[in-house]
Amino acid sequence: MGNACVQALADAMDLGSLLQEVRDRHGEFELLAHWTQGEFHHDVVLRIHRFAPLPGPVLVVSTNCNGGVKEVLCFGEVPDRYALWHHRCPEVPEFSGALPPIAAQARTSHYFDPCE
């Protein structure tokens, strides 16, 4: 599931720098959603208009409360928020749904298992 372009975005390490990388590499993007889960987890959902060479047009950028990038997921379509959390924490009964295929994934040193 690795992809050098997705990893390069994750390597920006903070949301502001990642968004600038997206602008520099791909031009305009659309902010589709900002989901929070508790105090310490944010998912920022972006649609990239000129996404090549990314494997899909939708990015989910997971950050900590300080904007540190934990993970970048790339999809062909926008995932459902609770399907994404079901994928992350399948044992939690509050989360359910089917996740579209993950085209690419990159994690940083900020990542930790959200179910622990």
PDB file of N, CA and C in Angstrom:
ATOM      1  N   MET A   1       0.808  -1.197   0.000  1.00  0.00           N
ATOM      2  CA  MET A   1       0.000   0.000   0.000  1.00  0.00           C
ATOM      3  C   MET A   1       0.850   1.260   0.000  1.00  0.00           C
ATOM      4  N   GLY A   2       2.139   1.092  -0.077  1.00  0.00           N
ATOM      5  CA  GLY A   2       3.002   2.257  -0.080  1.00  0.00           C
ATOM      6  C   GLY A   2       2.993   2.960  -1.432  1.00  0.00           C
ATOM      7  N   ASN A   3       3.260   4.222  -1.411  1.00  0.00           N
ATOM      8  CA  ASN A   3       3.342   5.038  -2.610  1.00  0.00           C
ATOM      9  C   ASN A   3       4.264   6.198  -2.273  1.00  0.00           C
ATOM     10  N   ALA A   4       5.270   6.416  -3.120  1.00  0.00           N
ATOM     11  CA  ALA A   4       6.269   7.446  -2.829  1.00  0.00           C
ATOM     12  C   ALA A   4       5.650   8.840  -2.721  1.00  0.00           C
ATOM     13  N   CYS A   5       4.644   9.139  -3.522  1.00  0.00           N
ATOM     14  CA  CYS A   5       4.016  10.468  -3.478  1.00  0.00           C
ATOM     15  C   CYS A   5       3.235  10.670  -2.189  1.00  0.00           C
ATOM     16  N   VAL A   6       2.525   9.633  -1.751  1.00  0.00           N
ATOM     17  CA  VAL A   6       1.784   9.716  -0.491  1.00  0.00           C
ATOM     18  C   VAL A   6       2.763   9.826   0.668  1.00  0.00           C
ATOM     19  N   GLN A   7       3.857   9.063   0.610  1.00  0.00           N
ATOM     20  CA  GLN A   7       4.862   9.130   1.669  1.00  0.00           C
ATOM     21  C   GLN A   7       5.498  10.515   1.727  1.00  0.00           C
ATOM     22  N   ALA A   8       5.758  11.112   0.576  1.00  0.00           N
ATOM     23  CA  ALA A   8       6.349  12.459   0.552  1.00  0.00           C
ATOM     24  C   ALA A   8       5.427  13.475   1.219  1.00  0.00           C
ATOM     25  N   LEU A   9       4.122  13.337   1.017  1.00  0.00           N
ATOM     26  CA  LEU A   9       3.185  14.241   1.688  1.00  0.00           C
ATOM     27  C   LEU A   9       3.206  14.013   3.194  1.00  0.00           C
ATOM     28  N   ALA A  10       3.186  12.753   3.609  1.00  0.00           N
ATOM     29  CA  ALA A  10       3.230  12.444   5.045  1.00  0.00           C
ATOM     30  C   ALA A  10       4.516  12.965   5.673  1.00  0.00           C
ATOM     31  N   ASP A  11       5.607  12.893   4.927  1.00  0.00           N
ATOM     32  CA  ASP A  11       6.905  13.333   5.448  1.00  0.00           C
ATOM     33  C   ASP A  11       6.955  14.830   5.721  1.00  0.00           C
ATOM     34  N   ALA A  12       5.959  15.576   5.278  1.00  0.00           N
ATOM     35  CA  ALA A  12       5.884  17.001   5.625  1.00  0.00           C
ATOM     36  C   ALA A  12       5.728  17.168   7.134  1.00  0.00           C
ATOM     37  N   MET A  13       5.139  16.166   7.789  1.00  0.00           N
ATOM     38  CA  MET A  13       5.047  16.028   9.248  1.00  0.00           C
ATOM     39  C   MET A  13       4.064  16.963   9.940  1.00  0.00           C
ATOM     40  N   ASP A  14       3.653  18.065   9.329  1.00  0.00           N
ATOM     41  CA  ASP A  14       2.609  18.884   9.954  1.00  0.00           C
ATOM     42  C   ASP A  14       1.609  19.283   8.880  1.00  0.00           C
ATOM     43  N   LEU A  15       0.381  19.531   9.303  1.00  0.00           N
ATOM     44  CA  LEU A  15      -0.706  19.760   8.359  1.00  0.00           C
ATOM     45  C   LEU A  15      -0.453  20.961   7.456  1.00  0.00           C
ATOM     46  N   GLY A  16       0.033  22.053   8.004  1.00  0.00           N
ATOM     47  CA  GLY A  16       0.293  23.234   7.183  1.00  0.00           C
ATOM     48  C   GLY A  16       1.293  22.955   6.076  1.00  0.00           C
ATOM     49  N   SER A  17       2.367  22.270   6.418  1.00  0.00           N
ATOM     50  CA  SER A  17       3.387  21.933   5.415  1.00  0.00           C
ATOM     51  C   SER A  17       2.843  20.945   4.393  1.00  0.00           C
ATOM     52  N   LEU A  18       2.041  19.983   4.842  1.00  0.00           N
ATOM     53  CA  LEU A  18       1.445  19.019   3.923  1.00  0.00           C
ATOM     54  C   LEU A  18       0.523  19.727   2.928  1.00  0.00           C
ATOM     55  N   LEU A  19      -0.311  20.643   3.408  1.00  0.00           N
ATOM     56  CA  LEU A  19      -1.205  21.371   2.505  1.00  0.00           C
ATOM     57  C   LEU A  19      -0.420  22.194   1.493  1.00  0.00           C
ATOM     58  N   GLN A  20       0.701  22.770   1.910  1.00  0.00           N
ATOM     59  CA  GLN A  20       1.544  23.513   0.971  1.00  0.00           C
ATOM     60  C   GLN A  20       2.150  22.570  -0.061  1.00  0.00           C
ATOM     61  N   GLU A  21       2.572  21.382   0.368  1.00  0.00           N
ATOM     62  CA  GLU A  21       3.090  20.373  -0.569  1.00  0.00           C
ATOM     63  C   GLU A  21       2.027  19.987  -1.594  1.00  0.00           C
ATOM     64  N   VAL A  22       0.794  19.804  -1.129  1.00  0.00           N
ATOM     65  CA  VAL A  22      -0.299  19.479  -2.053  1.00  0.00           C
ATOM     66  C   VAL A  22      -0.460  20.599  -3.074  1.00  0.00           C
ATOM     67  N   ARG A  23      -0.472  21.845  -2.621  1.00  0.00           N
ATOM     68  CA  ARG A  23      -0.595  22.990  -3.542  1.00  0.00           C
ATOM     69  C   ARG A  23       0.559  23.016  -4.549  1.00  0.00           C
ATOM     70  N   ASP A  24       1.782  22.835  -4.041  1.00  0.00           N
ATOM     71  CA  ASP A  24       2.961  22.903  -4.904  1.00  0.00           C
ATOM     72  C   ASP A  24       2.978  21.782  -5.939  1.00  0.00           C
ATOM     73  N   ARG A  25       2.573  20.583  -5.541  1.00  0.00           N
ATOM     74  CA  ARG A  25       2.661  19.414  -6.424  1.00  0.00           C
ATOM     75  C   ARG A  25       1.420  19.217  -7.294  1.00  0.00           C
ATOM     76  N   HIS A  26       0.248  19.597  -6.779  1.00  0.00           N
ATOM     77  CA  HIS A  26      -1.006  19.228  -7.443  1.00  0.00           C
ATOM     78  C   HIS A  26      -1.938  20.406  -7.710  1.00  0.00           C
ATOM     79  N   GLY A  27      -1.592  21.582  -7.273  1.00  0.00           N
ATOM     80  CA  GLY A  27      -2.461  22.731  -7.492  1.00  0.00           C
ATOM     81  C   GLY A  27      -3.601  22.773  -6.494  1.00  0.00           C
ATOM     82  N   GLU A  28      -4.763  23.118  -6.986  1.00  0.00           N
ATOM     83  CA  GLU A  28      -5.908  23.313  -6.099  1.00  0.00           C
ATOM     84  C   GLU A  28      -6.418  22.001  -5.519  1.00  0.00           C
ATOM     85  N   PHE A  29      -7.002  22.131  -4.343  1.00  0.00           N
ATOM     86  CA  PHE A  29      -7.670  21.001  -3.704  1.00  0.00           C
ATOM     87  C   PHE A  29      -8.913  21.527  -3.017  1.00  0.00           C
ATOM     88  N   GLU A  30      -9.774  20.614  -2.669  1.00  0.00           N
ATOM     89  CA  GLU A  30     -11.031  20.955  -2.007  1.00  0.00           C
ATOM     90  C   GLU A  30     -11.051  20.306  -0.623  1.00  0.00           C
ATOM     91  N   LEU A  31     -11.344  21.079   0.395  1.00  0.00           N
ATOM     92  CA  LEU A  31     -11.521  20.538   1.745  1.00  0.00           C
ATOM     93  C   LEU A  31     -12.939  19.989   1.827  1.00  0.00           C
ATOM     94  N   LEU A  32     -13.052  18.671   1.961  1.00  0.00           N
ATOM     95  CA  LEU A  32     -14.363  18.026   1.987  1.00  0.00           C
ATOM     96  C   LEU A  32     -14.914  17.862   3.392  1.00  0.00           C
ATOM     97  N   ALA A  33     -14.026  17.614   4.352  1.00  0.00           N
ATOM     98  CA  ALA A  33     -14.494  17.369   5.721  1.00  0.00           C
ATOM     99  C   ALA A  33     -13.343  17.524   6.695  1.00  0.00           C
ATOM    100  N   HIS A  34     -13.712  17.821   7.932  1.00  0.00           N
ATOM    101  CA  HIS A  34     -12.788  17.808   9.064  1.00  0.00           C
ATOM    102  C   HIS A  34     -13.522  17.099  10.186  1.00  0.00           C
ATOM    103  N   TRP A  35     -13.100  15.860  10.451  1.00  0.00           N
ATOM    104  CA  TRP A  35     -13.745  15.037  11.471  1.00  0.00           C
ATOM    105  C   TRP A  35     -12.837  14.947  12.689  1.00  0.00           C
ATOM    106  N   THR A  36     -13.407  15.091  13.861  1.00  0.00           N
ATOM    107  CA  THR A  36     -12.639  14.885  15.090  1.00  0.00           C
ATOM    108  C   THR A  36     -13.173  13.651  15.798  1.00  0.00           C
ATOM    109  N   GLN A  37     -12.273  12.962  16.459  1.00  0.00           N
ATOM    110  CA  GLN A  37     -12.626  11.808  17.278  1.00  0.00           C
ATOM    111  C   GLN A  37     -11.920  12.020  18.611  1.00  0.00           C
ATOM    112  N   GLY A  38     -12.682  12.448  19.598  1.00  0.00           N
ATOM    113  CA  GLY A  38     -12.063  12.801  20.866  1.00  0.00           C
ATOM    114  C   GLY A  38     -11.262  14.084  20.708  1.00  0.00           C
ATOM    115  N   GLU A  39     -10.388  14.325  21.676  1.00  0.00           N
ATOM    116  CA  GLU A  39      -9.578  15.548  21.662  1.00  0.00           C
ATOM    117  C   GLU A  39      -8.352  15.451  20.778  1.00  0.00           C
ATOM    118  N   PHE A  40      -7.871  14.229  20.550  1.00  0.00           N
ATOM    119  CA  PHE A  40      -6.518  14.077  20.035  1.00  0.00           C
ATOM    120  C   PHE A  40      -6.422  13.555  18.614  1.00  0.00           C
ATOM    121  N   HIS A  41      -7.539  13.352  17.943  1.00  0.00           N
ATOM    122  CA  HIS A  41      -7.470  12.815  16.586  1.00  0.00           C
ATOM    123  C   HIS A  41      -8.335  13.656  15.656  1.00  0.00           C
ATOM    124  N   HIS A  42      -7.743  14.038  14.540  1.00  0.00           N
ATOM    125  CA  HIS A  42      -8.440  14.787  13.496  1.00  0.00           C
ATOM    126  C   HIS A  42      -8.213  14.079  12.166  1.00  0.00           C
ATOM    127  N   ASP A  43      -9.257  13.979  11.360  1.00  0.00           N
ATOM    128  CA  ASP A  43      -9.153  13.504   9.980  1.00  0.00           C
ATOM    129  C   ASP A  43      -9.562  14.657   9.077  1.00  0.00           C
ATOM    130  N   VAL A  44      -8.665  15.046   8.203  1.00  0.00           N
ATOM    131  CA  VAL A  44      -8.923  16.099   7.227  1.00  0.00           C
ATOM    132  C   VAL A  44      -9.048  15.412   5.869  1.00  0.00           C
ATOM    133  N   VAL A  45     -10.194  15.594   5.229  1.00  0.00           N
ATOM    134  CA  VAL A  45     -10.480  14.914   3.966  1.00  0.00           C
ATOM    135  C   VAL A  45     -10.367  15.925   2.830  1.00  0.00           C
ATOM    136  N   LEU A  46      -9.508  15.596   1.860  1.00  0.00           N
ATOM    137  CA  LEU A  46      -9.225  16.482   0.736  1.00  0.00           C
ATOM    138  C   LEU A  46      -9.529  15.794  -0.585  1.00  0.00           C
ATOM    139  N   ARG A  47     -10.042  16.546  -1.538  1.00  0.00           N
ATOM    140  CA  ARG A  47     -10.133  16.058  -2.919  1.00  0.00           C
ATOM    141  C   ARG A  47      -9.103  16.837  -3.729  1.00  0.00           C
ATOM    142  N   ILE A  48      -8.202  16.100  -4.361  1.00  0.00           N
ATOM    143  CA  ILE A  48      -7.134  16.685  -5.163  1.00  0.00           C
ATOM    144  C   ILE A  48      -7.597  16.677  -6.622  1.00  0.00           C
ATOM    145  N   HIS A  49      -7.639  17.834  -7.252  1.00  0.00           N
ATOM    146  CA  HIS A  49      -8.169  17.912  -8.617  1.00  0.00           C
ATOM    147  C   HIS A  49      -7.206  17.319  -9.645  1.00  0.00           C
ATOM    148  N   ARG A  50      -5.936  17.646  -9.568  1.00  0.00           N
ATOM    149  CA  ARG A  50      -4.921  17.055 -10.460  1.00  0.00           C
ATOM    150  C   ARG A  50      -4.095  16.101  -9.603  1.00  0.00           C
ATOM    151  N   PHE A  51      -4.610  14.903  -9.394  1.00  0.00           N
ATOM    152  CA  PHE A  51      -4.021  14.025  -8.385  1.00  0.00           C
ATOM    153  C   PHE A  51      -2.837  13.198  -8.868  1.00  0.00           C
ATOM    154  N   ALA A  52      -2.683  12.957 -10.175  1.00  0.00           N
ATOM    155  CA  ALA A  52      -1.565  12.133 -10.645  1.00  0.00           C
ATOM    156  C   ALA A  52      -0.245  12.776 -10.216  1.00  0.00           C
ATOM    157  N   PRO A  53       0.710  12.012  -9.761  1.00  0.00           N
ATOM    158  CA  PRO A  53       0.836  10.563  -9.736  1.00  0.00           C
ATOM    159  C   PRO A  53       0.298   9.885  -8.465  1.00  0.00           C
ATOM    160  N   LEU A  54      -0.492  10.580  -7.664  1.00  0.00           N
ATOM    161  CA  LEU A  54      -1.151   9.899  -6.547  1.00  0.00           C
ATOM    162  C   LEU A  54      -2.076   8.827  -7.119  1.00  0.00           C
ATOM    163  N   PRO A  55      -2.290   7.725  -6.407  1.00  0.00           N
ATOM    164  CA  PRO A  55      -3.136   6.654  -6.941  1.00  0.00           C
ATOM    165  C   PRO A  55      -4.638   6.920  -6.845  1.00  0.00           C
ATOM    166  N   GLY A  56      -5.037   8.039  -6.283  1.00  0.00           N
ATOM    167  CA  GLY A  56      -6.454   8.377  -6.179  1.00  0.00           C
ATOM    168  C   GLY A  56      -6.621   9.841  -5.836  1.00  0.00           C
ATOM    169  N   PRO A  57      -7.828  10.394  -6.022  1.00  0.00           N
ATOM    170  CA  PRO A  57      -8.049  11.822  -5.818  1.00  0.00           C
ATOM    171  C   PRO A  57      -8.398  12.243  -4.396  1.00  0.00           C
ATOM    172  N   VAL A  58      -8.623  11.285  -3.490  1.00  0.00           N
ATOM    173  CA  VAL A  58      -9.068  11.629  -2.137  1.00  0.00           C
ATOM    174  C   VAL A  58      -7.978  11.273  -1.133  1.00  0.00           C
ATOM    175  N   LEU A  59      -7.623  12.244  -0.302  1.00  0.00           N
ATOM    176  CA  LEU A  59      -6.675  12.016   0.787  1.00  0.00           C
ATOM    177  C   LEU A  59      -7.392  12.196   2.112  1.00  0.00           C
ATOM    178  N   VAL A  60      -7.108  11.304   3.041  1.00  0.00           N
ATOM    179  CA  VAL A  60      -7.512  11.481   4.432  1.00  0.00           C
ATOM    180  C   VAL A  60      -6.225  11.670   5.215  1.00  0.00           C
ATOM    181  N   VAL A  61      -6.052  12.855   5.760  1.00  0.00           N
ATOM    182  CA  VAL A  61      -4.854  13.192   6.528  1.00  0.00           C
ATOM    183  C   VAL A  61      -5.238  13.149   8.000  1.00  0.00           C
ATOM    184  N   SER A  62      -4.639  12.232   8.729  1.00  0.00           N
ATOM    185  CA  SER A  62      -4.912  12.090  10.162  1.00  0.00           C
ATOM    186  C   SER A  62      -3.843  12.842  10.931  1.00  0.00           C
ATOM    187  N   THR A  63      -4.294  13.696  11.847  1.00  0.00           N
ATOM    188  CA  THR A  63      -3.350  14.490  12.630  1.00  0.00           C
ATOM    189  C   THR A  63      -3.641  14.357  14.117  1.00  0.00           C
ATOM    190  N   ASN A  64      -2.647  14.738  14.899  1.00  0.00           N
ATOM    191  CA  ASN A  64      -2.856  14.847  16.340  1.00  0.00           C
ATOM    192  C   ASN A  64      -3.401  16.239  16.650  1.00  0.00           C
ATOM    193  N   CYS A  65      -3.583  16.529  17.912  1.00  0.00           N
ATOM    194  CA  CYS A  65      -4.199  17.804  18.301  1.00  0.00           C
ATOM    195  C   CYS A  65      -3.322  19.012  17.971  1.00  0.00           C
ATOM    196  N   ASN A  66      -2.041  18.792  17.692  1.00  0.00           N
ATOM    197  CA  ASN A  66      -1.131  19.882  17.348  1.00  0.00           C
ATOM    198  C   ASN A  66      -0.914  20.024  15.847  1.00  0.00           C
ATOM    199  N   GLY A  67      -1.671  19.275  15.056  1.00  0.00           N
ATOM    200  CA  GLY A  67      -1.502  19.336  13.611  1.00  0.00           C
ATOM    201  C   GLY A  67      -0.381  18.473  13.084  1.00  0.00           C
ATOM    202  N   GLY A  68       0.204  17.625  13.943  1.00  0.00           N
ATOM    203  CA  GLY A  68       1.238  16.705  13.488  1.00  0.00           C
ATOM    204  C   GLY A  68       0.613  15.576  12.684  1.00  0.00           C
ATOM    205  N   VAL A  69       1.128  15.348  11.489  1.00  0.00           N
ATOM    206  CA  VAL A  69       0.571  14.313  10.616  1.00  0.00           C
ATOM    207  C   VAL A  69       0.935  12.938  11.162  1.00  0.00           C
ATOM    208  N   LYS A  70      -0.089  12.120  11.368  1.00  0.00           N
ATOM    209  CA  LYS A  70       0.095  10.743  11.827  1.00  0.00           C
ATOM    210  C   LYS A  70       0.049   9.759  10.666  1.00  0.00           C
ATOM    211  N   GLU A  71      -0.861  10.007   9.740  1.00  0.00           N
ATOM    212  CA  GLU A  71      -1.093   9.045   8.663  1.00  0.00           C
ATOM    213  C   GLU A  71      -1.741   9.775   7.495  1.00  0.00           C
ATOM    214  N   VAL A  72      -1.421   9.312   6.290  1.00  0.00           N
ATOM    215  CA  VAL A  72      -2.092   9.789   5.083  1.00  0.00           C
ATOM    216  C   VAL A  72      -2.614   8.563   4.348  1.00  0.00           C
ATOM    217  N   LEU A  73      -3.909   8.561   4.083  1.00  0.00           N
ATOM    218  CA  LEU A  73      -4.553   7.499   3.317  1.00  0.00           C
ATOM    219  C   LEU A  73      -5.038   8.082   2.001  1.00  0.00           C
ATOM    220  N   CYS A  74      -4.921   7.310   0.937  1.00  0.00           N
ATOM    221  CA  CYS A  74      -5.373   7.743  -0.380  1.00  0.00           C
ATOM    222  C   CYS A  74      -6.466   6.794  -0.859  1.00  0.00           C
ATOM    223  N   PHE A  75      -7.549   7.365  -1.365  1.00  0.00           N
ATOM    224  CA  PHE A  75      -8.709   6.600  -1.817  1.00  0.00           C
ATOM    225  C   PHE A  75      -9.146   7.073  -3.205  1.00  0.00           C
ATOM    226  N   GLY A  76      -9.910   6.229  -3.870  1.00  0.00           N
ATOM    227  CA  GLY A  76     -10.555   6.610  -5.117  1.00  0.00           C
ATOM    228  C   GLY A  76     -11.845   7.367  -4.890  1.00  0.00           C
ATOM    229  N   GLU A  77     -12.426   7.209  -3.706  1.00  0.00           N
ATOM    230  CA  GLU A  77     -13.666   7.895  -3.344  1.00  0.00           C
ATOM    231  C   GLU A  77     -13.623   8.243  -1.863  1.00  0.00           C
ATOM    232  N   VAL A  78     -14.488   9.133  -1.449  1.00  0.00           N
ATOM    233  CA  VAL A  78     -14.520   9.581  -0.056  1.00  0.00           C
ATOM    234  C   VAL A  78     -15.032   8.443   0.832  1.00  0.00           C
ATOM    235  N   PRO A  79     -14.270   8.087   1.854  1.00  0.00           N
ATOM    236  CA  PRO A  79     -14.745   7.050   2.773  1.00  0.00           C
ATOM    237  C   PRO A  79     -15.773   7.606   3.752  1.00  0.00           C
ATOM    238  N   ASP A  80     -16.610   6.738   4.260  1.00  0.00           N
ATOM    239  CA  ASP A  80     -17.510   7.103   5.345  1.00  0.00           C
ATOM    240  C   ASP A  80     -16.696   7.221   6.624  1.00  0.00           C
ATOM    241  N   ARG A  81     -16.979   8.224   7.396  1.00  0.00           N
ATOM    242  CA  ARG A  81     -16.241   8.476   8.639  1.00  0.00           C
ATOM    243  C   ARG A  81     -16.228   7.252   9.559  1.00  0.00           C
ATOM    244  N   TYR A  82     -17.390   6.651   9.765  1.00  0.00           N
ATOM    245  CA  TYR A  82     -17.473   5.541  10.722  1.00  0.00           C
ATOM    246  C   TYR A  82     -16.955   4.236  10.129  1.00  0.00           C
ATOM    247  N   ALA A  83     -16.975   4.108   8.811  1.00  0.00           N
ATOM    248  CA  ALA A  83     -16.330   2.963   8.173  1.00  0.00           C
ATOM    249  C   ALA A  83     -14.813   3.059   8.341  1.00  0.00           C
ATOM    250  N   LEU A  84     -14.283   4.270   8.263  1.00  0.00           N
ATOM    251  CA  LEU A  84     -12.852   4.482   8.483  1.00  0.00           C
ATOM    252  C   LEU A  84     -12.470   4.075   9.902  1.00  0.00           C
ATOM    253  N   TRP A  85     -13.283   4.482  10.875  1.00  0.00           N
ATOM    254  CA  TRP A  85     -12.997   4.104  12.258  1.00  0.00           C
ATOM    255  C   TRP A  85     -13.229   2.617  12.501  1.00  0.00           C
ATOM    256  N   HIS A  86     -14.180   2.021  11.793  1.00  0.00           N
ATOM    257  CA  HIS A  86     -14.375   0.573  11.902  1.00  0.00           C
ATOM    258  C   HIS A  86     -13.133  -0.155  11.387  1.00  0.00           C
ATOM    259  N   HIS A  87     -12.539   0.352  10.315  1.00  0.00           N
ATOM    260  CA  HIS A  87     -11.297  -0.225   9.788  1.00  0.00           C
ATOM    261  C   HIS A  87     -10.176  -0.113  10.824  1.00  0.00           C
ATOM    262  N   ARG A  88     -10.101   1.021  11.477  1.00  0.00           N
ATOM    263  CA  ARG A  88      -9.050   1.236  12.478  1.00  0.00           C
ATOM    264  C   ARG A  88      -9.286   0.419  13.744  1.00  0.00           C
ATOM    265  N   CYS A  89     -10.526   0.347  14.174  1.00  0.00           N
ATOM    266  CA  CYS A  89     -10.888  -0.289  15.451  1.00  0.00           C
ATOM    267  C   CYS A  89     -12.069  -1.239  15.232  1.00  0.00           C
ATOM    268  N   PRO A  90     -11.837  -2.381  14.593  1.00  0.00           N
ATOM    269  CA  PRO A  90     -12.952  -3.273  14.247  1.00  0.00           C
ATOM    270  C   PRO A  90     -13.689  -3.858  15.449  1.00  0.00           C
ATOM    271  N   GLU A  91     -13.094  -3.840  16.621  1.00  0.00           N
ATOM    272  CA  GLU A  91     -13.731  -4.405  17.810  1.00  0.00           C
ATOM    273  C   GLU A  91     -14.665  -3.424  18.517  1.00  0.00           C
ATOM    274  N   VAL A  92     -14.657  -2.164  18.110  1.00  0.00           N
ATOM    275  CA  VAL A  92     -15.496  -1.153  18.757  1.00  0.00           C
ATOM    276  C   VAL A  92     -16.876  -1.172  18.097  1.00  0.00           C
ATOM    277  N   PRO A  93     -17.925  -1.526  18.846  1.00  0.00           N
ATOM    278  CA  PRO A  93     -19.247  -1.701  18.237  1.00  0.00           C
ATOM    279  C   PRO A  93     -19.889  -0.406  17.726  1.00  0.00           C
ATOM    280  N   GLU A  94     -19.443   0.747  18.184  1.00  0.00           N
ATOM    281  CA  GLU A  94     -20.017   2.017  17.714  1.00  0.00           C
ATOM    282  C   GLU A  94     -19.632   2.339  16.269  1.00  0.00           C
ATOM    283  N   PHE A  95     -18.604   1.688  15.754  1.00  0.00           N
ATOM    284  CA  PHE A  95     -18.128   1.955  14.404  1.00  0.00           C
ATOM    285  C   PHE A  95     -18.536   0.815  13.482  1.00  0.00           C
ATOM    286  N   SER A  96     -19.020   1.168  12.299  1.00  0.00           N
ATOM    287  CA  SER A  96     -19.391   0.139  11.328  1.00  0.00           C
ATOM    288  C   SER A  96     -19.326   0.731   9.929  1.00  0.00           C
ATOM    289  N   GLY A  97     -19.419  -0.140   8.960  1.00  0.00           N
ATOM    290  CA  GLY A  97     -19.453   0.287   7.569  1.00  0.00           C
ATOM    291  C   GLY A  97     -18.324  -0.317   6.769  1.00  0.00           C
ATOM    292  N   ALA A  98     -18.507  -0.280   5.465  1.00  0.00           N
ATOM    293  CA  ALA A  98     -17.508  -0.813   4.539  1.00  0.00           C
ATOM    294  C   ALA A  98     -16.641   0.328   4.022  1.00  0.00           C
ATOM    295  N   LEU A  99     -15.352   0.109   4.079  1.00  0.00           N
ATOM    296  CA  LEU A  99     -14.389   1.108   3.624  1.00  0.00           C
ATOM    297  C   LEU A  99     -14.056   0.849   2.157  1.00  0.00           C
ATOM    298  N   PRO A 100     -14.018   1.888   1.315  1.00  0.00           N
ATOM    299  CA  PRO A 100     -13.532   1.664  -0.049  1.00  0.00           C
ATOM    300  C   PRO A 100     -12.063   1.247   0.010  1.00  0.00           C
ATOM    301  N   PRO A 101     -11.561   0.634  -1.044  1.00  0.00           N
ATOM    302  CA  PRO A 101     -10.159   0.195  -1.032  1.00  0.00           C
ATOM    303  C   PRO A 101      -9.198   1.356  -0.758  1.00  0.00           C
ATOM    304  N   ILE A 102      -8.221   1.087   0.092  1.00  0.00           N
ATOM    305  CA  ILE A 102      -7.157   2.062   0.351  1.00  0.00           C
ATOM    306  C   ILE A 102      -6.137   1.913  -0.773  1.00  0.00           C
ATOM    307  N   ALA A 103      -5.954   2.966  -1.557  1.00  0.00           N
ATOM    308  CA  ALA A 103      -5.028   2.924  -2.685  1.00  0.00           C
ATOM    309  C   ALA A 103      -3.580   3.057  -2.227  1.00  0.00           C
ATOM    310  N   ALA A 104      -3.351   3.792  -1.147  1.00  0.00           N
ATOM    311  CA  ALA A 104      -2.003   3.965  -0.594  1.00  0.00           C
ATOM    312  C   ALA A 104      -2.126   4.477   0.833  1.00  0.00           C
ATOM    313  N   GLN A 105      -1.078   4.197   1.603  1.00  0.00           N
ATOM    314  CA  GLN A 105      -1.052   4.575   3.020  1.00  0.00           C
ATOM    315  C   GLN A 105       0.377   4.912   3.405  1.00  0.00           C
ATOM    316  N   ALA A 106       0.533   5.947   4.211  1.00  0.00           N
ATOM    317  CA  ALA A 106       1.844   6.304   4.754  1.00  0.00           C
ATOM    318  C   ALA A 106       1.649   6.748   6.195  1.00  0.00           C
ATOM    319  N   ARG A 107       2.540   6.301   7.065  1.00  0.00           N
ATOM    320  CA  ARG A 107       2.494   6.683   8.483  1.00  0.00           C
ATOM    321  C   ARG A 107       3.787   7.392   8.858  1.00  0.00           C
ATOM    322  N   THR A 108       3.681   8.216   9.894  1.00  0.00           N
ATOM    323  CA  THR A 108       4.841   8.958  10.375  1.00  0.00           C
ATOM    324  C   THR A 108       5.157   8.538  11.805  1.00  0.00           C
ATOM    325  N   SER A 109       6.174   9.153  12.359  1.00  0.00           N
ATOM    326  CA  SER A 109       6.552   8.869  13.751  1.00  0.00           C
ATOM    327  C   SER A 109       5.499   9.359  14.738  1.00  0.00           C
ATOM    328  N   HIS A 110       4.559  10.189  14.298  1.00  0.00           N
ATOM    329  CA  HIS A 110       3.460  10.638  15.167  1.00  0.00           C
ATOM    330  C   HIS A 110       2.371   9.575  15.319  1.00  0.00           C
ATOM    331  N   TYR A 111       2.409   8.550  14.468  1.00  0.00           N
ATOM    332  CA  TYR A 111       1.342   7.547  14.459  1.00  0.00           C
ATOM    333  C   TYR A 111       1.367   6.707  15.735  1.00  0.00           C
ATOM    334  N   PHE A 112       0.177   6.386  16.207  1.00  0.00           N
ATOM    335  CA  PHE A 112       0.009   5.378  17.254  1.00  0.00           C
ATOM    336  C   PHE A 112      -1.321   4.696  17.002  1.00  0.00           C
ATOM    337  N   ASP A 113      -1.472   3.487  17.496  1.00  0.00           N
ATOM    338  CA  ASP A 113      -2.707   2.731  17.306  1.00  0.00           C
ATOM    339  C   ASP A 113      -3.828   3.436  18.054  1.00  0.00           C
ATOM    340  N   PRO A 114      -4.856   3.924  17.357  1.00  0.00           N
ATOM    341  CA  PRO A 114      -5.910   4.682  18.032  1.00  0.00           C
ATOM    342  C   PRO A 114      -6.810   3.828  18.918  1.00  0.00           C
ATOM    343  N   CYS A 115      -6.682   2.516  18.836  1.00  0.00           N
ATOM    344  CA  CYS A 115      -7.542   1.625  19.637  1.00  0.00           C
ATOM    345  C   CYS A 115      -6.906   1.244  20.964  1.00  0.00           C
ATOM    346  N   GLU A 116      -5.656   1.597  21.151  1.00  0.00           N
ATOM    347  CA  GLU A 116      -4.977   1.213  22.396  1.00  0.00           C
ATOM    348  C   GLU A 116      -5.204   2.234  23.480  1.00  0.00           C
TER     349      GLU A 116
END
